[in-house]
């Protein structure tokens, strides 16, 4: 028998909920992320949810034209040589097939679209966890492959830990401490 704590996150006693509008979907996203982190994430001036992960700003944007989430972050700044970036971009796409990597102006972005009809909070948490895992690989050597710099706040150690990590305090990896992923299980339920 499965222990309730091992099940995916439920909101209002449901694994997935239909939403009436954009504001309700944003509210459910905030509730799910609050369950994960123990505190409600901030909203930026555009109404996007901001989740700091290793000093990188991870944004959850609720689409205006339908129940869909765009989860994205800028990983690098100063990517000026697109030909040089082509090889490392292909490597990232192979290593992280559920994530999309694109160049926008001089930024390397990671993103994905998440269908939210209905909204399954565990899907959002799984995606945040996947991007958290990606950030473990981001350091000055990674940035140098693109001829760029990490696009993160080196002083931000909230939630998952420091930018350019040597340890993230996530509790889910070889890093020491507690933080991302410890309050609720992320991933498939155990039988």
Protein backbone atom coordinates (compact mmCIF):
# COMPACT_ATOMS: atom_id res chain seq x y z
CA UNK A 1 0.00 0.00 0.00
CA UNK A 2 1.22 3.50 -0.84
CA UNK A 3 1.75 5.92 2.01
CA UNK A 4 -0.01 9.28 1.41
CA UNK A 5 3.34 11.07 1.77
CA UNK A 6 4.66 9.07 -1.22
CA UNK A 7 1.86 10.20 -3.56
CA UNK A 8 2.18 13.11 -5.97
CA UNK A 9 1.07 16.47 -4.60
CA UNK A 10 -2.67 16.99 -4.36
CA UNK A 11 -4.47 20.32 -4.16
CA UNK A 12 -8.05 20.34 -2.89
CA UNK A 13 -7.83 16.52 -2.60
CA UNK A 14 -7.15 16.15 -6.34
CA UNK A 15 -4.08 15.20 -8.37
CA UNK A 16 -5.26 17.54 -11.14
CA UNK A 17 -7.66 20.47 -11.14
CA UNK A 18 -9.46 22.32 -13.92
CA UNK A 19 -9.16 26.07 -13.70
CA UNK A 20 -11.55 28.77 -14.82
CA UNK A 21 -9.05 31.50 -15.69
CA UNK A 22 -5.45 32.68 -15.64
CA UNK A 23 -5.60 34.05 -12.09
CA UNK A 24 -6.92 30.77 -10.69
CA UNK A 25 -4.18 28.81 -12.49
CA UNK A 26 -1.52 31.18 -11.11
CA UNK A 27 -3.02 30.71 -7.63
CA UNK A 28 -2.76 26.91 -7.93
CA UNK A 29 0.85 27.23 -9.15
CA UNK A 30 1.68 29.40 -6.15
CA UNK A 31 0.06 26.88 -3.80
CA UNK A 32 2.01 23.98 -5.30
CA UNK A 33 5.33 25.83 -5.14
CA UNK A 34 4.58 26.96 -1.58
CA UNK A 35 4.11 23.29 -0.64
CA UNK A 36 7.49 22.51 -2.19
CA UNK A 37 9.45 25.39 -0.64
CA UNK A 38 7.58 26.10 2.57
CA UNK A 39 7.16 29.77 1.58
CA UNK A 40 5.28 31.45 -1.24
CA UNK A 41 7.50 32.49 -4.15
CA UNK A 42 7.55 36.09 -5.32
CA UNK A 43 5.77 37.53 -8.36
CA UNK A 44 7.61 39.86 -10.73
CA UNK A 45 6.14 43.04 -12.22
CA UNK A 46 4.60 41.00 -15.08
CA UNK A 47 2.83 38.63 -12.68
CA UNK A 48 5.24 35.76 -13.39
CA UNK A 49 6.15 33.50 -10.49
CA UNK A 50 9.87 33.76 -9.68
CA UNK A 51 11.62 30.71 -8.24
CA UNK A 52 15.31 31.18 -7.33
CA UNK A 53 17.32 28.02 -8.05
CA UNK A 54 21.09 28.20 -7.44
CA UNK A 55 20.90 31.95 -7.97
CA UNK A 56 19.19 31.58 -11.34
CA UNK A 57 15.74 33.13 -11.67
CA UNK A 58 13.31 30.45 -12.83
CA UNK A 59 10.06 31.95 -14.11
CA UNK A 60 6.64 30.34 -14.29
CA UNK A 61 4.54 32.32 -16.76
CA UNK A 62 0.83 31.59 -17.01
CA UNK A 63 -0.34 31.96 -20.61
CA UNK A 64 -2.95 34.60 -21.31
CA UNK A 65 -4.71 32.64 -24.05
CA UNK A 66 -5.27 29.26 -22.41
CA UNK A 67 -4.34 26.91 -19.57
CA UNK A 68 -0.64 26.56 -20.27
CA UNK A 69 2.53 27.31 -18.31
CA UNK A 70 5.82 28.50 -19.75
CA UNK A 71 8.64 27.62 -17.35
CA UNK A 72 11.94 29.23 -18.28
CA UNK A 73 15.24 30.68 -17.10
CA UNK A 74 18.21 32.50 -18.55
CA UNK A 75 21.31 30.41 -17.89
CA UNK A 76 24.01 32.41 -19.67
CA UNK A 77 24.58 36.00 -20.69
CA UNK A 78 26.99 37.17 -23.36
CA UNK A 79 26.57 34.39 -25.92
CA UNK A 80 27.80 36.25 -29.00
CA UNK A 81 29.22 33.47 -31.16
CA UNK A 82 26.27 31.37 -32.32
CA UNK A 83 28.49 29.01 -34.32
CA UNK A 84 30.54 28.28 -31.18
CA UNK A 85 27.31 27.68 -29.22
CA UNK A 86 25.87 25.17 -31.72
CA UNK A 87 27.81 22.14 -30.45
CA UNK A 88 27.16 22.70 -26.74
CA UNK A 89 23.47 23.39 -27.52
CA UNK A 90 23.18 20.00 -29.23
CA UNK A 91 24.87 18.33 -26.26
CA UNK A 92 22.40 19.96 -23.85
CA UNK A 93 19.44 18.90 -25.95
CA UNK A 94 20.63 15.30 -25.95
CA UNK A 95 21.35 15.24 -22.23
CA UNK A 96 18.11 17.01 -21.23
CA UNK A 97 15.51 15.91 -23.82
CA UNK A 98 12.48 17.25 -21.92
CA UNK A 99 13.96 20.76 -21.85
CA UNK A 100 14.33 23.21 -24.73
CA UNK A 101 17.47 25.31 -25.08
CA UNK A 102 17.44 28.44 -27.24
CA UNK A 103 19.49 31.53 -27.85
CA UNK A 104 17.67 34.82 -27.40
CA UNK A 105 19.80 37.83 -28.16
CA UNK A 106 22.91 37.06 -26.05
CA UNK A 107 21.16 34.75 -23.56
CA UNK A 108 21.02 30.97 -23.41
CA UNK A 109 17.51 30.10 -22.21
CA UNK A 110 16.13 26.84 -20.89
CA UNK A 111 12.38 26.47 -21.17
CA UNK A 112 9.45 24.18 -21.60
CA UNK A 113 5.71 24.48 -22.05
CA UNK A 114 3.48 22.62 -19.65
CA UNK A 115 -0.13 21.85 -20.53
CA UNK A 116 -2.36 22.86 -17.62
CA UNK A 117 -5.73 21.56 -18.79
CA UNK A 118 -6.15 20.27 -16.13
CA UNK A 119 -3.35 21.55 -13.91
CA UNK A 120 -1.43 18.69 -12.26
CA UNK A 121 0.71 20.33 -9.57
CA UNK A 122 3.16 17.43 -9.48
CA UNK A 123 4.05 18.08 -13.14
CA UNK A 124 5.13 21.61 -12.27
CA UNK A 125 7.15 20.39 -9.28
CA UNK A 126 8.82 17.70 -11.40
CA UNK A 127 9.83 20.32 -13.94
CA UNK A 128 11.25 22.65 -11.28
CA UNK A 129 13.21 19.68 -9.92
CA UNK A 130 14.55 18.85 -13.39
CA UNK A 131 15.79 22.40 -13.91
CA UNK A 132 17.26 22.30 -10.40
CA UNK A 133 19.19 19.17 -11.43
CA UNK A 134 20.36 20.93 -14.59
CA UNK A 135 21.79 23.80 -12.55
CA UNK A 136 24.16 21.35 -10.83
CA UNK A 137 26.10 21.22 -14.11
CA UNK A 138 26.36 24.98 -14.49
CA UNK A 139 29.70 26.47 -13.58
CA UNK A 140 32.38 28.66 -15.13
CA UNK A 141 33.59 25.77 -17.33
CA UNK A 142 30.06 25.33 -18.69
CA UNK A 143 29.85 29.07 -19.45
CA UNK A 144 33.28 29.02 -21.10
CA UNK A 145 32.07 26.40 -23.62
CA UNK A 146 29.70 29.11 -24.89
CA UNK A 147 32.14 31.99 -24.45
CA UNK A 148 29.70 33.56 -21.98
CA UNK A 149 29.04 34.11 -18.28
CA UNK A 150 26.53 32.53 -15.93
CA UNK A 151 23.37 34.63 -15.75
CA UNK A 152 22.79 34.30 -12.03
CA UNK A 153 23.03 36.20 -8.79
CA UNK A 154 26.14 34.98 -6.99
CA UNK A 155 24.77 36.33 -3.69
CA UNK A 156 21.41 34.52 -3.92
CA UNK A 157 21.48 31.34 -1.86
CA UNK A 158 17.71 30.99 -1.46
CA UNK A 159 15.93 27.66 -1.88
CA UNK A 160 18.49 25.56 -3.70
CA UNK A 161 21.78 27.23 -2.91
CA UNK A 162 24.53 29.30 -4.41
CA UNK A 163 25.11 30.26 -8.02
CA UNK A 164 28.03 28.39 -9.56
CA UNK A 165 27.53 25.65 -6.99
CA UNK A 166 29.97 23.66 -4.99
CA UNK A 167 27.03 22.52 -2.90
CA UNK A 168 23.38 23.38 -3.19
CA UNK A 169 21.80 22.43 0.13
CA UNK A 170 19.06 20.60 -1.76
CA UNK A 171 19.14 17.33 0.15
CA UNK A 172 18.43 15.41 -3.09
CA UNK A 173 21.99 15.14 -4.29
CA UNK A 174 25.56 14.97 -3.04
CA UNK A 175 25.27 18.49 -1.67
CA UNK A 176 24.73 18.89 2.09
CA UNK A 177 21.77 20.56 3.78
CA UNK A 178 18.06 20.87 3.20
CA UNK A 179 15.94 22.75 0.72
CA UNK A 180 14.51 21.96 -2.70
CA UNK A 181 12.60 18.71 -2.80
CA UNK A 182 12.68 17.78 0.87
CA UNK A 183 9.21 18.77 2.02
CA UNK A 184 7.33 16.65 -0.51
CA UNK A 185 8.43 13.84 -2.79
CA UNK A 186 9.05 14.81 -6.39
CA UNK A 187 8.50 12.17 -9.02
CA UNK A 188 6.45 9.04 -9.47
CA UNK A 189 4.65 7.46 -6.52
CA UNK A 190 6.16 4.34 -5.02
CA UNK A 191 4.11 1.12 -4.76
